[in-house]
Amino acid sequence: MPIAKSVKLGQGVVIHHPDLVNLYGCTIGDETKIGAFVEIQKNAVIGSRCKISSHSFICEGVTIEDGVFVGHGVVFTNDVYPRAVNPDGSLKTDADWSVVPTTVKKGASIGSHATILPGTMIGEDALVGAGAVVTKDVPAHAIVTGVPARVVGDVRKRRARPA
């Protein structure tokens, strides 16, 4: 699994096991850390100071802003109606579909094994719980959990609790 020459790596990027990732045509911001068995596809953009944990899949059309945490085994998708073949039975090509973009805003965190459907936006500083399936936009500062993901809290209230 390579790091292709088409990858744009910022300064201080750490790829813990470069022989165990598949990165091509993507942009990775300064000081971002990438774990083993991560795939980041062409035209995906990862901001600065992010952490992309092992076994995660970030597909074409995904933009992750600065300071985002992506837990282990997180999967992004970019096709609302995925099919291998056209109605006539012919194999689909790049011309038979279009990328549906997804954005993760600054400071958000996505728990392990969450699935992020295409066309969604995860708001600034939001928290997606482990195993959640994000099917619609997540407001800034919201905590979402479940299948489908629903708002269950606000990270600002959690931080205000005394220790």
C-alpha atoms as a PDB file:
ATOM      1  CA  MET A   1       0.000   0.000   0.000  1.00  0.00           C
ATOM      2  CA  PRO A   2       1.733   3.136  -1.198  1.00  0.00           C
ATOM      3  CA  ILE A   3       1.951   6.815  -0.535  1.00  0.00           C
ATOM      4  CA  ALA A   4       1.635   8.035  -4.119  1.00  0.00           C
ATOM      5  CA  LYS A   5       3.743  10.847  -5.514  1.00  0.00           C
ATOM      6  CA  SER A   6       0.474  12.750  -6.098  1.00  0.00           C
ATOM      7  CA  VAL A   7      -0.046  13.198  -2.323  1.00  0.00           C
ATOM      8  CA  LYS A   8       0.584  16.700  -0.959  1.00  0.00           C
ATOM      9  CA  LEU A   9       2.011  16.354   2.558  1.00  0.00           C
ATOM     10  CA  GLY A  10       2.297  19.374   4.844  1.00  0.00           C
ATOM     11  CA  GLN A  11       5.210  19.968   7.182  1.00  0.00           C
ATOM     12  CA  GLY A  12       5.584  17.650  10.139  1.00  0.00           C
ATOM     13  CA  VAL A  13       3.032  15.058   8.958  1.00  0.00           C
ATOM     14  CA  VAL A  14       3.492  11.783  10.841  1.00  0.00           C
ATOM     15  CA  ILE A  15       2.546   8.530   9.121  1.00  0.00           C
ATOM     16  CA  HIS A  16       3.310   5.906  11.726  1.00  0.00           C
ATOM     17  CA  HIS A  17       3.551   2.985   9.290  1.00  0.00           C
ATOM     18  CA  PRO A  18       4.029   4.379   5.767  1.00  0.00           C
ATOM     19  CA  ASP A  19       4.113   0.882   4.272  1.00  0.00           C
ATOM     20  CA  LEU A  20       0.647   0.181   5.695  1.00  0.00           C
ATOM     21  CA  VAL A  21      -1.391   3.072   4.263  1.00  0.00           C
ATOM     22  CA  ASN A  22      -2.908   3.831   0.865  1.00  0.00           C
ATOM     23  CA  LEU A  23      -2.789   7.554   0.085  1.00  0.00           C
ATOM     24  CA  TYR A  24      -3.205   8.960  -3.422  1.00  0.00           C
ATOM     25  CA  GLY A  25      -4.101  12.331  -4.890  1.00  0.00           C
ATOM     26  CA  CYS A  26      -5.024  13.791  -1.490  1.00  0.00           C
ATOM     27  CA  THR A  27      -3.804  16.749   0.548  1.00  0.00           C
ATOM     28  CA  ILE A  28      -2.685  16.340   4.174  1.00  0.00           C
ATOM     29  CA  GLY A  29      -2.151  19.444   6.347  1.00  0.00           C
ATOM     30  CA  ASP A  30       0.751  20.264   8.653  1.00  0.00           C
ATOM     31  CA  GLU A  31       1.383  18.144  11.761  1.00  0.00           C
ATOM     32  CA  THR A  32      -1.404  15.663  11.013  1.00  0.00           C
ATOM     33  CA  LYS A  33      -0.954  12.086  12.261  1.00  0.00           C
ATOM     34  CA  ILE A  34      -2.111   9.086  10.239  1.00  0.00           C
ATOM     35  CA  GLY A  35      -2.365   5.569  11.634  1.00  0.00           C
ATOM     36  CA  ALA A  36      -1.859   2.212   9.961  1.00  0.00           C
ATOM     37  CA  PHE A  37      -4.276   0.742   7.407  1.00  0.00           C
ATOM     38  CA  VAL A  38      -5.757   4.137   6.488  1.00  0.00           C
ATOM     39  CA  GLU A  39      -6.894   4.874   2.936  1.00  0.00           C
ATOM     40  CA  ILE A  40      -7.283   8.473   1.789  1.00  0.00           C
ATOM     41  CA  GLN A  41      -8.416   8.850  -1.808  1.00  0.00           C
ATOM     42  CA  LYS A  42      -7.840  11.449  -4.499  1.00  0.00           C
ATOM     43  CA  ASN A  43      -9.320  14.901  -3.962  1.00  0.00           C
ATOM     44  CA  ALA A  44      -9.800  14.361  -0.219  1.00  0.00           C
ATOM     45  CA  VAL A  45      -8.444  17.186   1.919  1.00  0.00           C
ATOM     46  CA  ILE A  46      -7.258  16.743   5.509  1.00  0.00           C
ATOM     47  CA  GLY A  47      -6.482  19.869   7.536  1.00  0.00           C
ATOM     48  CA  SER A  48      -3.631  20.608   9.917  1.00  0.00           C
ATOM     49  CA  ARG A  49      -3.156  18.986  13.328  1.00  0.00           C
ATOM     50  CA  CYS A  50      -5.684  16.209  12.697  1.00  0.00           C
ATOM     51  CA  LYS A  51      -5.474  12.641  13.936  1.00  0.00           C
ATOM     52  CA  ILE A  52      -6.655   9.932  11.558  1.00  0.00           C
ATOM     53  CA  SER A  53      -6.725   6.651  13.479  1.00  0.00           C
ATOM     54  CA  SER A  54      -6.014   3.210  12.053  1.00  0.00           C
ATOM     55  CA  HIS A  55      -8.316   1.369   9.663  1.00  0.00           C
ATOM     56  CA  SER A  56     -10.195   4.516   8.577  1.00  0.00           C
ATOM     57  CA  PHE A  57     -11.410   5.166   5.032  1.00  0.00           C
ATOM     58  CA  ILE A  58     -11.636   8.723   3.704  1.00  0.00           C
ATOM     59  CA  CYS A  59     -12.957   8.819   0.173  1.00  0.00           C
ATOM     60  CA  GLU A  60     -12.909  11.325  -2.633  1.00  0.00           C
ATOM     61  CA  GLY A  61     -15.002  14.394  -1.889  1.00  0.00           C
ATOM     62  CA  VAL A  62     -14.331  14.526   1.854  1.00  0.00           C
ATOM     63  CA  THR A  63     -12.939  17.712   3.393  1.00  0.00           C
ATOM     64  CA  ILE A  64     -11.717  17.547   6.980  1.00  0.00           C
ATOM     65  CA  GLU A  65     -10.810  20.889   8.506  1.00  0.00           C
ATOM     66  CA  ASP A  66      -8.099  21.597  11.120  1.00  0.00           C
ATOM     67  CA  GLY A  67      -7.884  19.855  14.475  1.00  0.00           C
ATOM     68  CA  VAL A  68     -10.285  16.996  13.711  1.00  0.00           C
ATOM     69  CA  PHE A  69     -10.072  13.593  15.407  1.00  0.00           C
ATOM     70  CA  VAL A  70     -11.117  10.546  13.353  1.00  0.00           C
ATOM     71  CA  GLY A  71     -11.338   7.381  15.445  1.00  0.00           C
ATOM     72  CA  HIS A  72     -10.438   3.831  14.468  1.00  0.00           C
ATOM     73  CA  GLY A  73     -12.356   2.280  11.596  1.00  0.00           C
ATOM     74  CA  VAL A  74     -14.346   5.369  10.593  1.00  0.00           C
ATOM     75  CA  VAL A  75     -15.821   5.108   7.097  1.00  0.00           C
ATOM     76  CA  PHE A  76     -16.875   7.982   4.858  1.00  0.00           C
ATOM     77  CA  THR A  77     -19.043   7.399   1.769  1.00  0.00           C
ATOM     78  CA  ASN A  78     -19.493   9.587  -1.314  1.00  0.00           C
ATOM     79  CA  ASP A  79     -22.260   8.022  -3.409  1.00  0.00           C
ATOM     80  CA  VAL A  80     -25.936   8.257  -2.428  1.00  0.00           C
ATOM     81  CA  TYR A  81     -27.056   5.433  -4.743  1.00  0.00           C
ATOM     82  CA  PRO A  82     -24.068   3.098  -5.183  1.00  0.00           C
ATOM     83  CA  ARG A  83     -24.363   0.479  -7.889  1.00  0.00           C
ATOM     84  CA  ALA A  84     -21.801  -1.689  -9.666  1.00  0.00           C
ATOM     85  CA  VAL A  85     -23.717  -1.763 -12.950  1.00  0.00           C
ATOM     86  CA  ASN A  86     -26.055   0.428 -14.986  1.00  0.00           C
ATOM     87  CA  PRO A  87     -29.684  -0.636 -15.635  1.00  0.00           C
ATOM     88  CA  ASP A  88     -28.545  -2.284 -18.896  1.00  0.00           C
ATOM     89  CA  GLY A  89     -26.052  -4.454 -16.990  1.00  0.00           C
ATOM     90  CA  SER A  90     -22.921  -2.645 -18.177  1.00  0.00           C
ATOM     91  CA  LEU A  91     -20.250  -1.844 -15.601  1.00  0.00           C
ATOM     92  CA  LYS A  92     -20.418   1.650 -14.206  1.00  0.00           C
ATOM     93  CA  THR A  93     -17.555   4.008 -15.015  1.00  0.00           C
ATOM     94  CA  ASP A  94     -16.497   7.353 -13.522  1.00  0.00           C
ATOM     95  CA  ALA A  95     -18.875   9.001 -16.000  1.00  0.00           C
ATOM     96  CA  ASP A  96     -21.874   7.183 -14.472  1.00  0.00           C
ATOM     97  CA  TRP A  97     -21.829   8.879 -11.084  1.00  0.00           C
ATOM     98  CA  SER A  98     -20.775  12.042  -9.337  1.00  0.00           C
ATOM     99  CA  VAL A  99     -19.091  12.601  -6.003  1.00  0.00           C
ATOM    100  CA  VAL A 100     -21.339  13.907  -3.227  1.00  0.00           C
ATOM    101  CA  PRO A 101     -19.096  16.014  -0.951  1.00  0.00           C
ATOM    102  CA  THR A 102     -18.902  15.786   2.846  1.00  0.00           C
ATOM    103  CA  THR A 103     -17.324  18.287   5.243  1.00  0.00           C
ATOM    104  CA  VAL A 104     -16.068  17.884   8.803  1.00  0.00           C
ATOM    105  CA  LYS A 105     -15.614  21.280  10.438  1.00  0.00           C
ATOM    106  CA  LYS A 106     -12.767  22.460  12.660  1.00  0.00           C
ATOM    107  CA  GLY A 107     -12.269  20.683  15.976  1.00  0.00           C
ATOM    108  CA  ALA A 108     -14.885  17.954  15.474  1.00  0.00           C
ATOM    109  CA  SER A 109     -14.351  14.404  16.753  1.00  0.00           C
ATOM    110  CA  ILE A 110     -15.659  11.204  15.203  1.00  0.00           C
ATOM    111  CA  GLY A 111     -15.733   8.070  17.355  1.00  0.00           C
ATOM    112  CA  SER A 112     -14.526   4.649  16.294  1.00  0.00           C
ATOM    113  CA  HIS A 113     -16.516   2.741  13.692  1.00  0.00           C
ATOM    114  CA  ALA A 114     -18.817   5.656  12.840  1.00  0.00           C
ATOM    115  CA  THR A 115     -20.134   5.779   9.280  1.00  0.00           C
ATOM    116  CA  ILE A 116     -20.576   9.147   7.592  1.00  0.00           C
ATOM    117  CA  LEU A 117     -23.014   9.244   4.677  1.00  0.00           C
ATOM    118  CA  PRO A 118     -22.391  11.521   1.683  1.00  0.00           C
ATOM    119  CA  GLY A 119     -23.574  15.098   1.540  1.00  0.00           C
ATOM    120  CA  THR A 120     -23.431  15.627   5.283  1.00  0.00           C
ATOM    121  CA  MET A 121     -21.667  18.307   7.286  1.00  0.00           C
ATOM    122  CA  ILE A 122     -20.348  17.706  10.780  1.00  0.00           C
ATOM    123  CA  GLY A 123     -20.290  21.055  12.557  1.00  0.00           C
ATOM    124  CA  GLU A 124     -17.444  22.764  14.356  1.00  0.00           C
ATOM    125  CA  ASP A 125     -16.418  21.076  17.612  1.00  0.00           C
ATOM    126  CA  ALA A 126     -19.189  18.443  17.250  1.00  0.00           C
ATOM    127  CA  LEU A 127     -18.772  14.937  18.665  1.00  0.00           C
ATOM    128  CA  VAL A 128     -19.990  11.853  16.786  1.00  0.00           C
ATOM    129  CA  GLY A 129     -20.277   8.849  19.105  1.00  0.00           C
ATOM    130  CA  ALA A 130     -18.659   5.501  18.366  1.00  0.00           C
ATOM    131  CA  GLY A 131     -20.673   3.390  15.960  1.00  0.00           C
ATOM    132  CA  ALA A 132     -23.020   6.210  14.955  1.00  0.00           C
ATOM    133  CA  VAL A 133     -24.347   6.469  11.417  1.00  0.00           C
ATOM    134  CA  VAL A 134     -24.480  10.111  10.339  1.00  0.00           C
ATOM    135  CA  THR A 135     -27.307  10.515   7.802  1.00  0.00           C
ATOM    136  CA  LYS A 136     -27.859  14.279   8.080  1.00  0.00           C
ATOM    137  CA  ASP A 137     -25.962  17.394   9.128  1.00  0.00           C
ATOM    138  CA  VAL A 138     -24.629  17.567  12.689  1.00  0.00           C
ATOM    139  CA  PRO A 139     -24.894  21.034  14.284  1.00  0.00           C
ATOM    140  CA  ALA A 140     -21.834  22.757  15.720  1.00  0.00           C
ATOM    141  CA  HIS A 141     -21.035  21.613  19.280  1.00  0.00           C
ATOM    142  CA  ALA A 142     -23.632  18.803  19.136  1.00  0.00           C
ATOM    143  CA  ILE A 143     -23.067  15.319  20.522  1.00  0.00           C
ATOM    144  CA  VAL A 144     -24.726  12.714  18.295  1.00  0.00           C
ATOM    145  CA  THR A 145     -25.070   8.968  18.835  1.00  0.00           C
ATOM    146  CA  GLY A 146     -27.007   6.045  17.418  1.00  0.00           C
ATOM    147  CA  VAL A 147     -28.321   4.700  14.153  1.00  0.00           C
ATOM    148  CA  PRO A 148     -29.282   7.029  12.667  1.00  0.00           C
ATOM    149  CA  ALA A 149     -27.280   9.581  14.650  1.00  0.00           C
ATOM    150  CA  ARG A 150     -29.408  11.925  16.764  1.00  0.00           C
ATOM    151  CA  VAL A 151     -28.457  14.889  18.938  1.00  0.00           C
ATOM    152  CA  VAL A 152     -28.115  13.796  22.589  1.00  0.00           C
ATOM    153  CA  GLY A 153     -26.126  16.662  24.044  1.00  0.00           C
ATOM    154  CA  ASP A 154     -23.884  19.673  23.672  1.00  0.00           C
ATOM    155  CA  VAL A 155     -20.113  19.476  24.131  1.00  0.00           C
ATOM    156  CA  ARG A 156     -20.060  22.940  25.717  1.00  0.00           C
ATOM    157  CA  LYS A 157     -22.228  21.723  28.584  1.00  0.00           C
ATOM    158  CA  ARG A 158     -20.018  18.673  29.115  1.00  0.00           C
ATOM    159  CA  ARG A 159     -16.914  20.854  29.364  1.00  0.00           C
ATOM    160  CA  ALA A 160     -18.548  23.123  31.943  1.00  0.00           C
ATOM    161  CA  ARG A 161     -18.920  20.301  34.486  1.00  0.00           C
ATOM    162  CA  PRO A 162     -16.646  20.493  37.522  1.00  0.00           C
ATOM    163  CA  ALA A 163     -14.112  17.681  37.857  1.00  0.00           C
END
